[in-house]
């Protein structure tokens, strides 16, 4: 394991940063994972208008979730979400970022 991978694992394990969640692949068994949640606001330009919306994104460790797909579920603190759009991996291939929508 590289030093960078160990550092990423430590960040996810930190109780101030990472949170417990349940990842449920479509048609598969639930898996307990750690996530780093980001609930930032997004501003999107649409013609001359600017649209504000809340977003929910989480980071998942590739070591825990090898291949997240749209339609898979993530439960955080009893809130259920569906993965929407294609998950994106970081440059080091250690972390997935996924967009979620409430179910």
C-alpha atoms as a PDB file:
ATOM      1  CA  UNK A   1       0.000   0.000   0.000  1.00  0.00           C
ATOM      2  CA  UNK A   2       1.370   3.400  -0.953  1.00  0.00           C
ATOM      3  CA  UNK A   3       1.710   6.249   1.518  1.00  0.00           C
ATOM      4  CA  UNK A   4      -0.983   8.138  -0.398  1.00  0.00           C
ATOM      5  CA  UNK A   5      -3.402   5.196  -0.170  1.00  0.00           C
ATOM      6  CA  UNK A   6      -2.729   4.960   3.574  1.00  0.00           C
ATOM      7  CA  UNK A   7      -3.437   8.688   3.960  1.00  0.00           C
ATOM      8  CA  UNK A   8      -6.735   8.380   2.051  1.00  0.00           C
ATOM      9  CA  UNK A   9      -7.719   5.439   4.259  1.00  0.00           C
ATOM     10  CA  UNK A  10      -6.928   7.481   7.371  1.00  0.00           C
ATOM     11  CA  UNK A  11      -9.085  10.377   6.154  1.00  0.00           C
ATOM     12  CA  UNK A  12     -12.058   8.102   5.547  1.00  0.00           C
ATOM     13  CA  UNK A  13     -11.556   6.471   8.966  1.00  0.00           C
ATOM     14  CA  UNK A  14     -11.421   9.834  10.781  1.00  0.00           C
ATOM     15  CA  UNK A  15     -14.746  10.291  12.629  1.00  0.00           C
ATOM     16  CA  UNK A  16     -14.688  14.040  11.878  1.00  0.00           C
ATOM     17  CA  UNK A  17     -14.464  13.480   8.119  1.00  0.00           C
ATOM     18  CA  UNK A  18     -15.788  10.035   7.210  1.00  0.00           C
ATOM     19  CA  UNK A  19     -19.225   8.640   7.974  1.00  0.00           C
ATOM     20  CA  UNK A  20     -20.661   5.152   8.080  1.00  0.00           C
ATOM     21  CA  UNK A  21     -22.945   4.254   5.189  1.00  0.00           C
ATOM     22  CA  UNK A  22     -24.446   1.235   3.457  1.00  0.00           C
ATOM     23  CA  UNK A  23     -23.737   0.724  -0.240  1.00  0.00           C
ATOM     24  CA  UNK A  24     -26.235  -1.486  -2.077  1.00  0.00           C
ATOM     25  CA  UNK A  25     -25.372  -2.462  -5.634  1.00  0.00           C
ATOM     26  CA  UNK A  26     -28.405  -3.085  -7.808  1.00  0.00           C
ATOM     27  CA  UNK A  27     -29.224  -6.770  -7.383  1.00  0.00           C
ATOM     28  CA  UNK A  28     -26.404  -7.296  -4.865  1.00  0.00           C
ATOM     29  CA  UNK A  29     -25.838  -7.578  -1.141  1.00  0.00           C
ATOM     30  CA  UNK A  30     -25.453  -4.481   1.078  1.00  0.00           C
ATOM     31  CA  UNK A  31     -21.912  -3.501   2.074  1.00  0.00           C
ATOM     32  CA  UNK A  32     -20.890  -1.344   5.044  1.00  0.00           C
ATOM     33  CA  UNK A  33     -18.601   1.441   3.818  1.00  0.00           C
ATOM     34  CA  UNK A  34     -17.175   4.781   4.895  1.00  0.00           C
ATOM     35  CA  UNK A  35     -18.055   7.886   2.868  1.00  0.00           C
ATOM     36  CA  UNK A  36     -16.995  11.504   2.825  1.00  0.00           C
ATOM     37  CA  UNK A  37     -20.172  13.479   2.193  1.00  0.00           C
ATOM     38  CA  UNK A  38     -20.248  16.805   0.352  1.00  0.00           C
ATOM     39  CA  UNK A  39     -23.550  18.637   0.196  1.00  0.00           C
ATOM     40  CA  UNK A  40     -22.578  21.762  -1.677  1.00  0.00           C
ATOM     41  CA  UNK A  41     -24.884  24.097  -3.539  1.00  0.00           C
ATOM     42  CA  UNK A  42     -24.510  24.212  -7.317  1.00  0.00           C
ATOM     43  CA  UNK A  43     -25.209  27.116  -9.638  1.00  0.00           C
ATOM     44  CA  UNK A  44     -25.911  26.151 -13.248  1.00  0.00           C
ATOM     45  CA  UNK A  45     -26.214  28.555 -16.166  1.00  0.00           C
ATOM     46  CA  UNK A  46     -29.220  27.909 -18.392  1.00  0.00           C
ATOM     47  CA  UNK A  47     -29.422  30.500 -21.139  1.00  0.00           C
ATOM     48  CA  UNK A  48     -29.659  33.861 -19.390  1.00  0.00           C
ATOM     49  CA  UNK A  49     -30.824  32.284 -16.142  1.00  0.00           C
ATOM     50  CA  UNK A  50     -28.785  30.894 -13.284  1.00  0.00           C
ATOM     51  CA  UNK A  51     -30.331  27.972 -11.431  1.00  0.00           C
ATOM     52  CA  UNK A  52     -29.406  27.210  -7.830  1.00  0.00           C
ATOM     53  CA  UNK A  53     -29.768  23.668  -6.547  1.00  0.00           C
ATOM     54  CA  UNK A  54     -28.648  21.567  -3.627  1.00  0.00           C
ATOM     55  CA  UNK A  55     -26.408  18.656  -4.491  1.00  0.00           C
ATOM     56  CA  UNK A  56     -25.374  15.559  -2.634  1.00  0.00           C
ATOM     57  CA  UNK A  57     -22.076  14.008  -3.570  1.00  0.00           C
ATOM     58  CA  UNK A  58     -20.104  11.434  -1.683  1.00  0.00           C
ATOM     59  CA  UNK A  59     -16.647  10.020  -2.033  1.00  0.00           C
ATOM     60  CA  UNK A  60     -16.265   6.232  -1.793  1.00  0.00           C
ATOM     61  CA  UNK A  61     -13.019   4.333  -1.507  1.00  0.00           C
ATOM     62  CA  UNK A  62     -12.239   2.150  -4.522  1.00  0.00           C
ATOM     63  CA  UNK A  63     -10.930  -0.412  -2.017  1.00  0.00           C
ATOM     64  CA  UNK A  64     -14.476  -0.748  -0.606  1.00  0.00           C
ATOM     65  CA  UNK A  65     -16.573  -0.212  -3.764  1.00  0.00           C
ATOM     66  CA  UNK A  66     -14.888  -1.465  -6.908  1.00  0.00           C
ATOM     67  CA  UNK A  67     -17.476  -0.446  -9.494  1.00  0.00           C
ATOM     68  CA  UNK A  68     -20.366   1.827  -8.426  1.00  0.00           C
ATOM     69  CA  UNK A  69     -23.050   2.222 -11.107  1.00  0.00           C
ATOM     70  CA  UNK A  70     -26.023   4.514 -11.681  1.00  0.00           C
ATOM     71  CA  UNK A  71     -29.042   3.028  -9.917  1.00  0.00           C
ATOM     72  CA  UNK A  72     -27.031   1.633  -6.987  1.00  0.00           C
ATOM     73  CA  UNK A  73     -28.162   2.864  -3.558  1.00  0.00           C
ATOM     74  CA  UNK A  74     -26.326   4.538  -0.699  1.00  0.00           C
ATOM     75  CA  UNK A  75     -27.890   4.930   2.754  1.00  0.00           C
ATOM     76  CA  UNK A  76     -26.458   7.533   5.118  1.00  0.00           C
ATOM     77  CA  UNK A  77     -28.046   8.032   8.556  1.00  0.00           C
ATOM     78  CA  UNK A  78     -31.260   6.289   7.434  1.00  0.00           C
ATOM     79  CA  UNK A  79     -31.544   8.517   4.323  1.00  0.00           C
ATOM     80  CA  UNK A  80     -31.626   6.565   1.058  1.00  0.00           C
ATOM     81  CA  UNK A  81     -30.083   7.884  -2.163  1.00  0.00           C
ATOM     82  CA  UNK A  82     -29.636   6.593  -5.710  1.00  0.00           C
ATOM     83  CA  UNK A  83     -26.430   7.104  -7.655  1.00  0.00           C
ATOM     84  CA  UNK A  84     -27.151   9.229 -10.717  1.00  0.00           C
ATOM     85  CA  UNK A  85     -24.760   9.826 -13.566  1.00  0.00           C
ATOM     86  CA  UNK A  86     -21.425   8.133 -14.069  1.00  0.00           C
ATOM     87  CA  UNK A  87     -19.124   7.879 -11.034  1.00  0.00           C
ATOM     88  CA  UNK A  88     -15.725   9.539 -11.463  1.00  0.00           C
ATOM     89  CA  UNK A  89     -12.417   8.313 -10.022  1.00  0.00           C
ATOM     90  CA  UNK A  90      -9.630  10.563  -8.819  1.00  0.00           C
ATOM     91  CA  UNK A  91      -6.273  10.702 -10.564  1.00  0.00           C
ATOM     92  CA  UNK A  92      -4.705   8.180  -8.189  1.00  0.00           C
ATOM     93  CA  UNK A  93      -7.607   5.728  -8.743  1.00  0.00           C
ATOM     94  CA  UNK A  94      -8.311   5.512  -5.001  1.00  0.00           C
ATOM     95  CA  UNK A  95     -11.583   7.432  -4.607  1.00  0.00           C
ATOM     96  CA  UNK A  96     -14.902   7.457  -6.488  1.00  0.00           C
ATOM     97  CA  UNK A  97     -17.024  10.621  -6.466  1.00  0.00           C
ATOM     98  CA  UNK A  98     -20.692   9.916  -7.055  1.00  0.00           C
ATOM     99  CA  UNK A  99     -23.704  12.223  -7.431  1.00  0.00           C
ATOM    100  CA  UNK A 100     -26.737  11.149  -5.427  1.00  0.00           C
ATOM    101  CA  UNK A 101     -30.419  11.928  -5.491  1.00  0.00           C
ATOM    102  CA  UNK A 102     -32.941  11.081  -2.776  1.00  0.00           C
ATOM    103  CA  UNK A 103     -35.109   8.028  -3.385  1.00  0.00           C
END
